[in-house]
Amino acid sequence: FAYSRILSETFSASVGLRFIHSDLQYNYDEDITPGQAFAADISF
């Protein structure tokens, strides 16, 4: 999700948050677990 705002007639900025989930397990016998991460974006 992101929130963006115009700061002047020609310029804007945005911030965002991201939840990431990755489940690449291909063998139940392997010691592999799903992974999660959180991240942010900054843009102009």
Full PDB file with SEQRES, HELIX, SHEET, SSBOND, CRYST1, ORIGX, SCALE, CONECT and MASTER records, all heavy atoms in Angstrom:
SEQRES   1 A   44  PHE ALA TYR SER ARG ILE LEU SER GLU THR PHE SER ALA          
SEQRES   2 A   44  SER VAL GLY LEU ARG PHE ILE HIS SER ASP LEU GLN TYR          
SEQRES   3 A   44  ASN TYR ASP GLU ASP ILE THR PRO GLY GLN ALA PHE ALA          
SEQRES   4 A   44  ALA ASP ILE SER PHE                                          
SHEET    1 AA1 3 ALA A   2  ILE A   6  0                                        
SHEET    2 AA1 3 SER A  12  SER A  22 -1                                        
SHEET    3 AA1 3 GLY A  35  SER A  43 -1                                        
CRYST1    1.000    1.000    1.000  90.00  90.00  90.00 P 1           1          
ORIGX1      1.000000  0.000000  0.000000        0.00000                         
ORIGX2      0.000000  1.000000  0.000000        0.00000                         
ORIGX3      0.000000  0.000000  1.000000        0.00000                         
SCALE1      1.000000  0.000000  0.000000        0.00000                         
SCALE2      0.000000  1.000000  0.000000        0.00000                         
SCALE3      0.000000  0.000000  1.000000        0.00000                         
ATOM      1  N   PHE A   1       0.854  -1.182   0.000  1.00  0.00           N  
ATOM      2  CA  PHE A   1       0.000   0.000   0.000  1.00  0.00           C  
ATOM      3  C   PHE A   1       0.891   1.234   0.000  1.00  0.00           C  
ATOM      4  O   PHE A   1       1.992   1.219   0.559  1.00  0.00           O  
ATOM      5  CB  PHE A   1      -0.911   0.027   1.229  1.00  0.00           C  
ATOM      6  CG  PHE A   1      -1.863  -1.137   1.305  1.00  0.00           C  
ATOM      7  CD1 PHE A   1      -1.525  -2.275   2.013  1.00  0.00           C  
ATOM      8  CD2 PHE A   1      -3.085  -1.088   0.649  1.00  0.00           C  
ATOM      9  CE1 PHE A   1      -2.385  -3.357   2.083  1.00  0.00           C  
ATOM     10  CE2 PHE A   1      -3.957  -2.164   0.715  1.00  0.00           C  
ATOM     11  CZ  PHE A   1      -3.607  -3.299   1.431  1.00  0.00           C  
ATOM     12  N   ALA A   2       0.415   2.298  -0.643  1.00  0.00           N  
ATOM     13  CA  ALA A   2       1.207   3.524  -0.737  1.00  0.00           C  
ATOM     14  C   ALA A   2       0.309   4.742  -0.568  1.00  0.00           C  
ATOM     15  O   ALA A   2      -0.882   4.720  -0.906  1.00  0.00           O  
ATOM     16  CB  ALA A   2       1.946   3.592  -2.073  1.00  0.00           C  
ATOM     17  N   TYR A   3       0.918   5.789  -0.055  1.00  0.00           N  
ATOM     18  CA  TYR A   3       0.253   7.086   0.053  1.00  0.00           C  
ATOM     19  C   TYR A   3       1.119   8.099  -0.690  1.00  0.00           C  
ATOM     20  O   TYR A   3       2.337   8.172  -0.471  1.00  0.00           O  
ATOM     21  CB  TYR A   3       0.105   7.505   1.516  1.00  0.00           C  
ATOM     22  CG  TYR A   3      -0.304   8.959   1.689  1.00  0.00           C  
ATOM     23  CD1 TYR A   3      -1.622   9.355   1.504  1.00  0.00           C  
ATOM     24  CD2 TYR A   3       0.640   9.929   2.033  1.00  0.00           C  
ATOM     25  CE1 TYR A   3      -1.996  10.687   1.655  1.00  0.00           C  
ATOM     26  CE2 TYR A   3       0.277  11.254   2.191  1.00  0.00           C  
ATOM     27  CZ  TYR A   3      -1.042  11.631   1.998  1.00  0.00           C  
ATOM     28  OH  TYR A   3      -1.408  12.944   2.150  1.00  0.00           O  
ATOM     29  N   SER A   4       0.511   8.877  -1.563  1.00  0.00           N  
ATOM     30  CA  SER A   4       1.248   9.861  -2.353  1.00  0.00           C  
ATOM     31  C   SER A   4       0.573  11.220  -2.238  1.00  0.00           C  
ATOM     32  O   SER A   4      -0.647  11.324  -2.062  1.00  0.00           O  
ATOM     33  CB  SER A   4       1.329   9.422  -3.816  1.00  0.00           C  
ATOM     34  OG  SER A   4       0.050   9.074  -4.320  1.00  0.00           O  
ATOM     35  N   ARG A   5       1.395  12.264  -2.392  1.00  0.00           N  
ATOM     36  CA  ARG A   5       0.874  13.619  -2.220  1.00  0.00           C  
ATOM     37  C   ARG A   5       1.652  14.591  -3.100  1.00  0.00           C  
ATOM     38  O   ARG A   5       2.874  14.500  -3.231  1.00  0.00           O  
ATOM     39  CB  ARG A   5       0.985  14.054  -0.755  1.00  0.00           C  
ATOM     40  CG  ARG A   5       0.425  15.446  -0.475  1.00  0.00           C  
ATOM     41  CD  ARG A   5       0.562  15.830   0.972  1.00  0.00           C  
ATOM     42  NE  ARG A   5       0.046  17.180   1.211  1.00  0.00           N  
ATOM     43  CZ  ARG A   5      -1.226  17.461   1.488  1.00  0.00           C  
ATOM     44  NH1 ARG A   5      -2.102  16.476   1.581  1.00  0.00           N  
ATOM     45  NH2 ARG A   5      -1.624  18.711   1.682  1.00  0.00           N  
ATOM     46  N   ILE A   6       0.918  15.542  -3.679  1.00  0.00           N  
ATOM     47  CA  ILE A   6       1.537  16.628  -4.430  1.00  0.00           C  
ATOM     48  C   ILE A   6       2.092  17.650  -3.446  1.00  0.00           C  
ATOM     49  O   ILE A   6       1.374  18.138  -2.567  1.00  0.00           O  
ATOM     50  CB  ILE A   6       0.526  17.286  -5.379  1.00  0.00           C  
ATOM     51  CG1 ILE A   6       0.141  16.307  -6.507  1.00  0.00           C  
ATOM     52  CG2 ILE A   6       1.085  18.573  -5.973  1.00  0.00           C  
ATOM     53  CD1 ILE A   6      -0.889  16.863  -7.470  1.00  0.00           C  
ATOM     54  N   LEU A   7       3.375  17.980  -3.582  1.00  0.00           N  
ATOM     55  CA  LEU A   7       4.026  18.941  -2.703  1.00  0.00           C  
ATOM     56  C   LEU A   7       4.151  20.324  -3.325  1.00  0.00           C  
ATOM     57  O   LEU A   7       4.364  21.309  -2.618  1.00  0.00           O  
ATOM     58  CB  LEU A   7       5.411  18.417  -2.302  1.00  0.00           C  
ATOM     59  CG  LEU A   7       5.429  17.046  -1.608  1.00  0.00           C  
ATOM     60  CD1 LEU A   7       6.847  16.628  -1.296  1.00  0.00           C  
ATOM     61  CD2 LEU A   7       4.583  17.076  -0.335  1.00  0.00           C  
ATOM     62  N   SER A   8       4.065  20.385  -4.640  1.00  0.00           N  
ATOM     63  CA  SER A   8       4.043  21.656  -5.356  1.00  0.00           C  
ATOM     64  C   SER A   8       3.339  21.419  -6.683  1.00  0.00           C  
ATOM     65  O   SER A   8       2.858  20.304  -6.955  1.00  0.00           O  
ATOM     66  CB  SER A   8       5.464  22.193  -5.573  1.00  0.00           C  
ATOM     67  OG  SER A   8       6.153  21.423  -6.543  1.00  0.00           O  
ATOM     68  N   GLU A   9       3.280  22.420  -7.534  1.00  0.00           N  
ATOM     69  CA  GLU A   9       2.594  22.256  -8.807  1.00  0.00           C  
ATOM     70  C   GLU A   9       3.266  21.233  -9.709  1.00  0.00           C  
ATOM     71  O   GLU A   9       2.631  20.679 -10.608  1.00  0.00           O  
ATOM     72  CB  GLU A   9       2.522  23.606  -9.537  1.00  0.00           C  
ATOM     73  CG  GLU A   9       1.605  24.620  -8.880  1.00  0.00           C  
ATOM     74  CD  GLU A   9       1.510  25.898  -9.692  1.00  0.00           C  
ATOM     75  OE1 GLU A   9       2.202  25.989 -10.734  1.00  0.00           O  
ATOM     76  OE2 GLU A   9       0.735  26.791  -9.305  1.00  0.00           O  
ATOM     77  N   THR A  10       4.543  20.965  -9.475  1.00  0.00           N  
ATOM     78  CA  THR A  10       5.299  20.089 -10.375  1.00  0.00           C  
ATOM     79  C   THR A  10       5.945  18.905  -9.671  1.00  0.00           C  
ATOM     80  O   THR A  10       6.618  18.098 -10.325  1.00  0.00           O  
ATOM     81  CB  THR A  10       6.410  20.890 -11.082  1.00  0.00           C  
ATOM     82  OG1 THR A  10       7.286  21.456 -10.089  1.00  0.00           O  
ATOM     83  CG2 THR A  10       5.822  22.008 -11.929  1.00  0.00           C  
ATOM     84  N   PHE A  11       5.761  18.758  -8.373  1.00  0.00           N  
ATOM     85  CA  PHE A  11       6.531  17.768  -7.618  1.00  0.00           C  
ATOM     86  C   PHE A  11       5.625  17.010  -6.651  1.00  0.00           C  
ATOM     87  O   PHE A  11       4.754  17.596  -6.003  1.00  0.00           O  
ATOM     88  CB  PHE A  11       7.652  18.467  -6.850  1.00  0.00           C  
ATOM     89  CG  PHE A  11       8.576  17.534  -6.124  1.00  0.00           C  
ATOM     90  CD1 PHE A  11       9.483  16.741  -6.812  1.00  0.00           C  
ATOM     91  CD2 PHE A  11       8.538  17.450  -4.744  1.00  0.00           C  
ATOM     92  CE1 PHE A  11      10.344  15.889  -6.135  1.00  0.00           C  
ATOM     93  CE2 PHE A  11       9.394  16.599  -4.057  1.00  0.00           C  
ATOM     94  CZ  PHE A  11      10.300  15.819  -4.757  1.00  0.00           C  
ATOM     95  N   SER A  12       5.851  15.693  -6.557  1.00  0.00           N  
ATOM     96  CA  SER A  12       5.084  14.851  -5.633  1.00  0.00           C  
ATOM     97  C   SER A  12       5.997  13.817  -5.005  1.00  0.00           C  
ATOM     98  O   SER A  12       7.097  13.539  -5.493  1.00  0.00           O  
ATOM     99  CB  SER A  12       3.920  14.163  -6.351  1.00  0.00           C  
ATOM    100  OG  SER A  12       4.410  13.296  -7.365  1.00  0.00           O  
ATOM    101  N   ALA A  13       5.525  13.220  -3.910  1.00  0.00           N  
ATOM    102  CA  ALA A  13       6.297  12.203  -3.199  1.00  0.00           C  
ATOM    103  C   ALA A  13       5.357  11.117  -2.705  1.00  0.00           C  
ATOM    104  O   ALA A  13       4.136  11.319  -2.593  1.00  0.00           O  
ATOM    105  CB  ALA A  13       7.066  12.817  -2.029  1.00  0.00           C  
ATOM    106  N   SER A  14       5.936   9.961  -2.407  1.00  0.00           N  
ATOM    107  CA  SER A  14       5.124   8.830  -1.970  1.00  0.00           C  
ATOM    108  C   SER A  14       5.923   7.951  -1.012  1.00  0.00           C  
ATOM    109  O   SER A  14       7.150   7.846  -1.115  1.00  0.00           O  
ATOM    110  CB  SER A  14       4.678   7.992  -3.174  1.00  0.00           C  
ATOM    111  OG  SER A  14       4.033   6.795  -2.761  1.00  0.00           O  
ATOM    112  N   VAL A  15       5.202   7.327  -0.078  1.00  0.00           N  
ATOM    113  CA  VAL A  15       5.785   6.311   0.791  1.00  0.00           C  
ATOM    114  C   VAL A  15       4.880   5.083   0.719  1.00  0.00           C  
ATOM    115  O   VAL A  15       3.661   5.197   0.569  1.00  0.00           O  
ATOM    116  CB  VAL A  15       5.928   6.789   2.252  1.00  0.00           C  
ATOM    117  CG1 VAL A  15       6.957   7.902   2.348  1.00  0.00           C  
ATOM    118  CG2 VAL A  15       4.581   7.258   2.803  1.00  0.00           C  
ATOM    119  N   GLY A  16       5.482   3.912   0.824  1.00  0.00           N  
ATOM    120  CA  GLY A  16       4.706   2.683   0.736  1.00  0.00           C  
ATOM    121  C   GLY A  16       5.251   1.613   1.666  1.00  0.00           C  
ATOM    122  O   GLY A  16       6.417   1.647   2.072  1.00  0.00           O  
ATOM    123  N   LEU A  17       4.400   0.659   1.992  1.00  0.00           N  
ATOM    124  CA  LEU A  17       4.770  -0.480   2.827  1.00  0.00           C  
ATOM    125  C   LEU A  17       4.408  -1.766   2.097  1.00  0.00           C  
ATOM    126  O   LEU A  17       3.387  -1.833   1.399  1.00  0.00           O  
ATOM    127  CB  LEU A  17       4.062  -0.423   4.177  1.00  0.00           C  
ATOM    128  CG  LEU A  17       4.413   0.748   5.097  1.00  0.00           C  
ATOM    129  CD1 LEU A  17       3.529   0.719   6.351  1.00  0.00           C  
ATOM    130  CD2 LEU A  17       5.884   0.697   5.499  1.00  0.00           C  
ATOM    131  N   ARG A  18       5.231  -2.802   2.288  1.00  0.00           N  
ATOM    132  CA  ARG A  18       5.028  -4.055   1.566  1.00  0.00           C  
ATOM    133  C   ARG A  18       5.256  -5.250   2.491  1.00  0.00           C  
ATOM    134  O   ARG A  18       6.221  -5.276   3.267  1.00  0.00           O  
ATOM    135  CB  ARG A  18       5.979  -4.126   0.374  1.00  0.00           C  
ATOM    136  CG  ARG A  18       5.905  -5.433  -0.429  1.00  0.00           C  
ATOM    137  CD  ARG A  18       6.719  -5.355  -1.709  1.00  0.00           C  
ATOM    138  NE  ARG A  18       6.157  -4.329  -2.600  1.00  0.00           N  
ATOM    139  CZ  ARG A  18       6.741  -3.150  -2.812  1.00  0.00           C  
ATOM    140  NH1 ARG A  18       7.916  -2.876  -2.239  1.00  0.00           N  
ATOM    141  NH2 ARG A  18       6.167  -2.267  -3.604  1.00  0.00           N  
ATOM    142  N   PHE A  19       4.352  -6.227   2.401  1.00  0.00           N  
ATOM    143  CA  PHE A  19       4.535  -7.519   3.074  1.00  0.00           C  
ATOM    144  C   PHE A  19       4.852  -8.565   2.022  1.00  0.00           C  
ATOM    145  O   PHE A  19       4.169  -8.660   1.000  1.00  0.00           O  
ATOM    146  CB  PHE A  19       3.283  -7.918   3.845  1.00  0.00           C  
ATOM    147  CG  PHE A  19       3.322  -9.333   4.357  1.00  0.00           C  
ATOM    148  CD1 PHE A  19       4.147  -9.691   5.403  1.00  0.00           C  
ATOM    149  CD2 PHE A  19       2.548 -10.318   3.750  1.00  0.00           C  
ATOM    150  CE1 PHE A  19       4.197 -11.002   5.862  1.00  0.00           C  
ATOM    151  CE2 PHE A  19       2.581 -11.626   4.203  1.00  0.00           C  
ATOM    152  CZ  PHE A  19       3.415 -11.970   5.269  1.00  0.00           C  
ATOM    153  N   ILE A  20       5.880  -9.358   2.269  1.00  0.00           N  
ATOM    154  CA  ILE A  20       6.364 -10.343   1.304  1.00  0.00           C  
ATOM    155  C   ILE A  20       6.305 -11.727   1.939  1.00  0.00           C  
ATOM    156  O   ILE A  20       6.762 -11.930   3.071  1.00  0.00           O  
ATOM    157  CB  ILE A  20       7.820 -10.022   0.888  1.00  0.00           C  
ATOM    158  CG1 ILE A  20       7.904  -8.606   0.307  1.00  0.00           C  
ATOM    159  CG2 ILE A  20       8.330 -11.044  -0.108  1.00  0.00           C  
ATOM    160  CD1 ILE A  20       9.314  -8.053   0.266  1.00  0.00           C  
ATOM    161  N   HIS A  21       5.758 -12.671   1.197  1.00  0.00           N  
ATOM    162  CA  HIS A  21       5.699 -14.064   1.645  1.00  0.00           C  
ATOM    163  C   HIS A  21       6.197 -14.955   0.517  1.00  0.00           C  
ATOM    164  O   HIS A  21       5.748 -14.844  -0.623  1.00  0.00           O  
ATOM    165  CB  HIS A  21       4.272 -14.452   2.027  1.00  0.00           C  
ATOM    166  CG  HIS A  21       4.132 -15.883   2.461  1.00  0.00           C  
ATOM    167  ND1 HIS A  21       4.338 -16.296   3.772  1.00  0.00           N  
ATOM    168  CD2 HIS A  21       3.827 -17.005   1.756  1.00  0.00           C  
ATOM    169  CE1 HIS A  21       4.151 -17.606   3.853  1.00  0.00           C  
ATOM    170  NE2 HIS A  21       3.845 -18.062   2.646  1.00  0.00           N  
ATOM    171  N   SER A  22       7.121 -15.847   0.842  1.00  0.00           N  
ATOM    172  CA  SER A  22       7.688 -16.749  -0.170  1.00  0.00           C  
ATOM    173  C   SER A  22       7.707 -18.170   0.376  1.00  0.00           C  
ATOM    174  O   SER A  22       8.332 -18.448   1.405  1.00  0.00           O  
ATOM    175  CB  SER A  22       9.110 -16.301  -0.532  1.00  0.00           C  
ATOM    176  OG  SER A  22       9.680 -17.169  -1.486  1.00  0.00           O  
ATOM    177  N   ASP A  23       7.017 -19.052  -0.317  1.00  0.00           N  
ATOM    178  CA  ASP A  23       6.969 -20.464   0.058  1.00  0.00           C  
ATOM    179  C   ASP A  23       7.418 -21.286  -1.144  1.00  0.00           C  
ATOM    180  O   ASP A  23       6.633 -21.616  -2.023  1.00  0.00           O  
ATOM    181  CB  ASP A  23       5.556 -20.863   0.476  1.00  0.00           C  
ATOM    182  CG  ASP A  23       5.475 -22.302   0.980  1.00  0.00           C  
ATOM    183  OD1 ASP A  23       6.517 -22.989   0.956  1.00  0.00           O  
ATOM    184  OD2 ASP A  23       4.388 -22.725   1.394  1.00  0.00           O  
ATOM    185  N   LEU A  24       8.711 -21.607  -1.176  1.00  0.00           N  
ATOM    186  CA  LEU A  24       9.288 -22.343  -2.296  1.00  0.00           C  
ATOM    187  C   LEU A  24       9.636 -23.773  -1.927  1.00  0.00           C  
ATOM    188  O   LEU A  24      10.449 -24.413  -2.591  1.00  0.00           O  
ATOM    189  CB  LEU A  24      10.546 -21.621  -2.806  1.00  0.00           C  
ATOM    190  CG  LEU A  24      10.328 -20.201  -3.335  1.00  0.00           C  
ATOM    191  CD1 LEU A  24      11.649 -19.596  -3.786  1.00  0.00           C  
ATOM    192  CD2 LEU A  24       9.328 -20.193  -4.469  1.00  0.00           C  
ATOM    193  N   GLN A  25       9.029 -24.290  -0.890  1.00  0.00           N  
ATOM    194  CA  GLN A  25       9.303 -25.670  -0.484  1.00  0.00           C  
ATOM    195  C   GLN A  25       8.815 -26.636  -1.562  1.00  0.00           C  
ATOM    196  O   GLN A  25       7.673 -26.571  -2.010  1.00  0.00           O  
ATOM    197  CB  GLN A  25       8.614 -25.974   0.837  1.00  0.00           C  
ATOM    198  CG  GLN A  25       8.950 -27.348   1.404  1.00  0.00           C  
ATOM    199  CD  GLN A  25       8.284 -27.588   2.749  1.00  0.00           C  
ATOM    200  OE1 GLN A  25       7.297 -26.944   3.076  1.00  0.00           O  
ATOM    201  NE2 GLN A  25       8.816 -28.509   3.516  1.00  0.00           N  
ATOM    202  N   TYR A  26       9.697 -27.529  -1.995  1.00  0.00           N  
ATOM    203  CA  TYR A  26       9.328 -28.499  -3.026  1.00  0.00           C  
ATOM    204  C   TYR A  26       9.490 -29.934  -2.558  1.00  0.00           C  
ATOM    205  O   TYR A  26       9.309 -30.870  -3.326  1.00  0.00           O  
ATOM    206  CB  TYR A  26      10.166 -28.269  -4.290  1.00  0.00           C  
ATOM    207  CG  TYR A  26      11.657 -28.375  -4.085  1.00  0.00           C  
ATOM    208  CD1 TYR A  26      12.322 -29.586  -4.190  1.00  0.00           C  
ATOM    209  CD2 TYR A  26      12.410 -27.251  -3.780  1.00  0.00           C  
ATOM    210  CE1 TYR A  26      13.684 -29.679  -3.993  1.00  0.00           C  
ATOM    211  CE2 TYR A  26      13.772 -27.334  -3.580  1.00  0.00           C  
ATOM    212  CZ  TYR A  26      14.403 -28.550  -3.700  1.00  0.00           C  
ATOM    213  OH  TYR A  26      15.756 -28.633  -3.499  1.00  0.00           O  
ATOM    214  N   ASN A  27       9.818 -30.123  -1.294  1.00  0.00           N  
ATOM    215  CA  ASN A  27       9.959 -31.462  -0.730  1.00  0.00           C  
ATOM    216  C   ASN A  27       9.731 -31.366   0.768  1.00  0.00           C  
ATOM    217  O   ASN A  27      10.459 -30.675   1.467  1.00  0.00           O  
ATOM    218  CB  ASN A  27      11.348 -32.027  -1.027  1.00  0.00           C  
ATOM    219  CG  ASN A  27      11.464 -33.505  -0.666  1.00  0.00           C  
ATOM    220  OD1 ASN A  27      10.753 -34.002   0.217  1.00  0.00           O  
ATOM    221  ND2 ASN A  27      12.351 -34.208  -1.351  1.00  0.00           N  
ATOM    222  N   TYR A  28       8.708 -32.041   1.267  1.00  0.00           N  
ATOM    223  CA  TYR A  28       8.379 -31.951   2.683  1.00  0.00           C  
ATOM    224  C   TYR A  28       9.487 -32.505   3.581  1.00  0.00           C  
ATOM    225  O   TYR A  28       9.527 -32.241   4.778  1.00  0.00           O  
ATOM    226  CB  TYR A  28       7.070 -32.689   2.977  1.00  0.00           C  
ATOM    227  CG  TYR A  28       5.851 -31.966   2.479  1.00  0.00           C  
ATOM    228  CD1 TYR A  28       4.910 -32.617   1.687  1.00  0.00           C  
ATOM    229  CD2 TYR A  28       5.640 -30.628   2.782  1.00  0.00           C  
ATOM    230  CE1 TYR A  28       3.781 -31.957   1.221  1.00  0.00           C  
ATOM    231  CE2 TYR A  28       4.520 -29.956   2.327  1.00  0.00           C  
ATOM    232  CZ  TYR A  28       3.601 -30.625   1.551  1.00  0.00           C  
ATOM    233  OH  TYR A  28       2.489 -29.967   1.092  1.00  0.00           O  
ATOM    234  N   ASP A  29      10.387 -33.268   2.986  1.00  0.00           N  
ATOM    235  CA  ASP A  29      11.486 -33.814   3.769  1.00  0.00           C  
ATOM    236  C   ASP A  29      12.639 -32.830   3.919  1.00  0.00           C  
ATOM    237  O   ASP A  29      13.538 -33.040   4.723  1.00  0.00           O  
ATOM    238  CB  ASP A  29      12.011 -35.111   3.121  1.00  0.00           C  
ATOM    239  CG  ASP A  29      10.949 -36.199   3.097  1.00  0.00           C  
ATOM    240  OD1 ASP A  29      10.117 -36.215   4.025  1.00  0.00           O  
ATOM    241  OD2 ASP A  29      10.943 -37.004   2.146  1.00  0.00           O  
ATOM    242  N   GLU A  30      12.641 -31.763   3.119  1.00  0.00           N  
ATOM    243  CA  GLU A  30      13.710 -30.778   3.191  1.00  0.00           C  
ATOM    244  C   GLU A  30      13.464 -29.805   4.339  1.00  0.00           C  
ATOM    245  O   GLU A  30      12.327 -29.506   4.696  1.00  0.00           O  
ATOM    246  CB  GLU A  30      13.808 -30.003   1.868  1.00  0.00           C  
ATOM    247  CG  GLU A  30      14.187 -30.862   0.671  1.00  0.00           C  
ATOM    248  CD  GLU A  30      15.635 -31.289   0.720  1.00  0.00           C  
ATOM    249  OE1 GLU A  30      16.436 -30.595   1.367  1.00  0.00           O  
ATOM    250  OE2 GLU A  30      15.954 -32.341   0.118  1.00  0.00           O  
ATOM    251  N   ASP A  31      14.552 -29.303   4.915  1.00  0.00           N  
ATOM    252  CA  ASP A  31      14.458 -28.352   6.015  1.00  0.00           C  
ATOM    253  C   ASP A  31      14.306 -26.937   5.456  1.00  0.00           C  
ATOM    254  O   ASP A  31      15.167 -26.069   5.630  1.00  0.00           O  
ATOM    255  CB  ASP A  31      15.701 -28.453   6.902  1.00  0.00           C  
ATOM    256  CG  ASP A  31      15.562 -27.620   8.177  1.00  0.00           C  
ATOM    257  OD1 ASP A  31      14.416 -27.300   8.531  1.00  0.00           O  
ATOM    258  OD2 ASP A  31      16.598 -27.302   8.792  1.00  0.00           O  
ATOM    259  N   ILE A  32      13.200 -26.715   4.749  1.00  0.00           N  
ATOM    260  CA  ILE A  32      12.919 -25.429   4.135  1.00  0.00           C  
ATOM    261  C   ILE A  32      11.580 -24.931   4.657  1.00  0.00           C  
ATOM    262  O   ILE A  32      10.595 -25.669   4.681  1.00  0.00           O  
ATOM    263  CB  ILE A  32      12.874 -25.540   2.599  1.00  0.00           C  
ATOM    264  CG1 ILE A  32      14.224 -26.008   2.057  1.00  0.00           C  
ATOM    265  CG2 ILE A  32      12.488 -24.204   1.979  1.00  0.00           C  
ATOM    266  CD1 ILE A  32      14.209 -26.293   0.572  1.00  0.00           C  
ATOM    267  N   THR A  33      11.535 -23.707   5.098  1.00  0.00           N  
ATOM    268  CA  THR A  33      10.321 -23.115   5.648  1.00  0.00           C  
ATOM    269  C   THR A  33       9.952 -21.875   4.843  1.00  0.00           C  
ATOM    270  O   THR A  33      10.815 -21.242   4.221  1.00  0.00           O  
ATOM    271  CB  THR A  33      10.518 -22.726   7.123  1.00  0.00           C  
ATOM    272  OG1 THR A  33      11.585 -21.769   7.213  1.00  0.00           O  
ATOM    273  CG2 THR A  33      10.855 -23.946   7.962  1.00  0.00           C  
ATOM    274  N   PRO A  34       8.662 -21.504   4.825  1.00  0.00           N  
ATOM    275  CA  PRO A  34       8.284 -20.261   4.149  1.00  0.00           C  
ATOM    276  C   PRO A  34       8.975 -19.062   4.794  1.00  0.00           C  
ATOM    277  O   PRO A  34       9.228 -19.037   5.999  1.00  0.00           O  
ATOM    278  CB  PRO A  34       6.765 -20.206   4.344  1.00  0.00           C  
ATOM    279  CG  PRO A  34       6.361 -21.619   4.600  1.00  0.00           C  
ATOM    280  CD  PRO A  34       7.503 -22.240   5.336  1.00  0.00           C  
ATOM    281  N   GLY A  35       9.281 -18.065   3.978  1.00  0.00           N  
ATOM    282  CA  GLY A  35       9.932 -16.862   4.477  1.00  0.00           C  
ATOM    283  C   GLY A  35       9.031 -15.649   4.360  1.00  0.00           C  
ATOM    284  O   GLY A  35       8.199 -15.558   3.445  1.00  0.00           O  
ATOM    285  N   GLN A  36       9.169 -14.723   5.299  1.00  0.00           N  
ATOM    286  CA  GLN A  36       8.421 -13.472   5.274  1.00  0.00           C  
ATOM    287  C   GLN A  36       9.382 -12.303   5.445  1.00  0.00           C  
ATOM    288  O   GLN A  36      10.439 -12.430   6.076  1.00  0.00           O  
ATOM    289  CB  GLN A  36       7.357 -13.418   6.380  1.00  0.00           C  
ATOM    290  CG  GLN A  36       6.174 -14.335   6.177  1.00  0.00           C  
ATOM    291  CD  GLN A  36       6.403 -15.725   6.725  1.00  0.00           C  
ATOM    292  OE1 GLN A  36       7.117 -15.895   7.711  1.00  0.00           O  
ATOM    293  NE2 GLN A  36       5.805 -16.730   6.100  1.00  0.00           N  
ATOM    294  N   ALA A  37       8.998 -11.179   4.894  1.00  0.00           N  
ATOM    295  CA  ALA A  37       9.788  -9.965   5.025  1.00  0.00           C  
ATOM    296  C   ALA A  37       8.866  -8.762   4.906  1.00  0.00           C  
ATOM    297  O   ALA A  37       7.772  -8.843   4.346  1.00  0.00           O  
ATOM    298  CB  ALA A  37      10.886  -9.900   3.959  1.00  0.00           C  
ATOM    299  N   PHE A  38       9.316  -7.651   5.469  1.00  0.00           N  
ATOM    300  CA  PHE A  38       8.611  -6.376   5.347  1.00  0.00           C  
ATOM    301  C   PHE A  38       9.539  -5.368   4.688  1.00  0.00           C  
ATOM    302  O   PHE A  38      10.755  -5.395   4.900  1.00  0.00           O  
ATOM    303  CB  PHE A  38       8.167  -5.860   6.721  1.00  0.00           C  
ATOM    304  CG  PHE A  38       7.095  -6.684   7.370  1.00  0.00           C  
ATOM    305  CD1 PHE A  38       7.416  -7.747   8.198  1.00  0.00           C  
ATOM    306  CD2 PHE A  38       5.754  -6.403   7.137  1.00  0.00           C  
ATOM    307  CE1 PHE A  38       6.429  -8.518   8.799  1.00  0.00           C  
ATOM    308  CE2 PHE A  38       4.763  -7.166   7.728  1.00  0.00           C  
ATOM    309  CZ  PHE A  38       5.098  -8.224   8.559  1.00  0.00           C  
ATOM    310  N   ALA A  39       8.953  -4.487   3.881  1.00  0.00           N  
ATOM    311  CA  ALA A  39       9.774  -3.524   3.156  1.00  0.00           C  
ATOM    312  C   ALA A  39       9.007  -2.223   2.982  1.00  0.00           C  
ATOM    313  O   ALA A  39       7.781  -2.165   3.135  1.00  0.00           O  
ATOM    314  CB  ALA A  39      10.191  -4.078   1.796  1.00  0.00           C  
ATOM    315  N   ALA A  40       9.746  -1.174   2.662  1.00  0.00           N  
ATOM    316  CA  ALA A  40       9.165   0.140   2.419  1.00  0.00           C  
ATOM    317  C   ALA A  40       9.690   0.690   1.103  1.00  0.00           C  
ATOM    318  O   ALA A  40      10.784   0.339   0.656  1.00  0.00           O  
ATOM    319  CB  ALA A  40       9.503   1.093   3.566  1.00  0.00           C  
ATOM    320  N   ASP A  41       8.887   1.562   0.479  1.00  0.00           N  
ATOM    321  CA  ASP A  41       9.268   2.260  -0.747  1.00  0.00           C  
ATOM    322  C   ASP A  41       9.218   3.767  -0.504  1.00  0.00           C  
ATOM    323  O   ASP A  41       8.339   4.265   0.212  1.00  0.00           O  
ATOM    324  CB  ASP A  41       8.325   1.926  -1.900  1.00  0.00           C  
ATOM    325  CG  ASP A  41       8.349   0.457  -2.285  1.00  0.00           C  
ATOM    326  OD1 ASP A  41       9.227  -0.270  -1.779  1.00  0.00           O  
ATOM    327  OD2 ASP A  41       7.485   0.042  -3.078  1.00  0.00           O  
ATOM    328  N   ILE A  42      10.142   4.482  -1.127  1.00  0.00           N  
ATOM    329  CA  ILE A  42      10.141   5.947  -1.118  1.00  0.00           C  
ATOM    330  C   ILE A  42      10.327   6.405  -2.560  1.00  0.00           C  
ATOM    331  O   ILE A  42      11.265   5.969  -3.236  1.00  0.00           O  
ATOM    332  CB  ILE A  42      11.265   6.519  -0.236  1.00  0.00           C  
ATOM    333  CG1 ILE A  42      11.143   5.997   1.202  1.00  0.00           C  
ATOM    334  CG2 ILE A  42      11.227   8.045  -0.247  1.00  0.00           C  
ATOM    335  CD1 ILE A  42      12.308   6.399   2.084  1.00  0.00           C  
ATOM    336  N   SER A  43       9.431   7.261  -3.039  1.00  0.00           N  
ATOM    337  CA  SER A  43       9.507   7.678  -4.441  1.00  0.00           C  
ATOM    338  C   SER A  43       9.171   9.151  -4.602  1.00  0.00           C  
ATOM    339  O   SER A  43       8.465   9.748  -3.772  1.00  0.00           O  
ATOM    340  CB  SER A  43       8.577   6.826  -5.307  1.00  0.00           C  
ATOM    341  OG  SER A  43       7.241   6.917  -4.859  1.00  0.00           O  
ATOM    342  N   PHE A  44       9.680   9.719  -5.701  1.00  0.00           N  
ATOM    343  CA  PHE A  44       9.462  11.134  -6.030  1.00  0.00           C  
ATOM    344  C   PHE A  44       9.185  11.257  -7.528  1.00  0.00           C  
ATOM    345  O   PHE A  44       9.676  10.457  -8.328  1.00  0.00           O  
ATOM    346  CB  PHE A  44      10.689  11.977  -5.659  1.00  0.00           C  
ATOM    347  CG  PHE A  44      11.081  11.887  -4.209  1.00  0.00           C  
ATOM    348  CD1 PHE A  44      12.050  10.975  -3.797  1.00  0.00           C  
ATOM    349  CD2 PHE A  44      10.474  12.690  -3.252  1.00  0.00           C  
ATOM    350  CE1 PHE A  44      12.413  10.872  -2.473  1.00  0.00           C  
ATOM    351  CE2 PHE A  44      10.832  12.595  -1.915  1.00  0.00           C  
ATOM    352  CZ  PHE A  44      11.795  11.689  -1.521  1.00  0.00           C  
TER     353      PHE A  44                                                      
MASTER        0    0    0    0    3    0    0    6  352    1    0    4          
END                                                                             
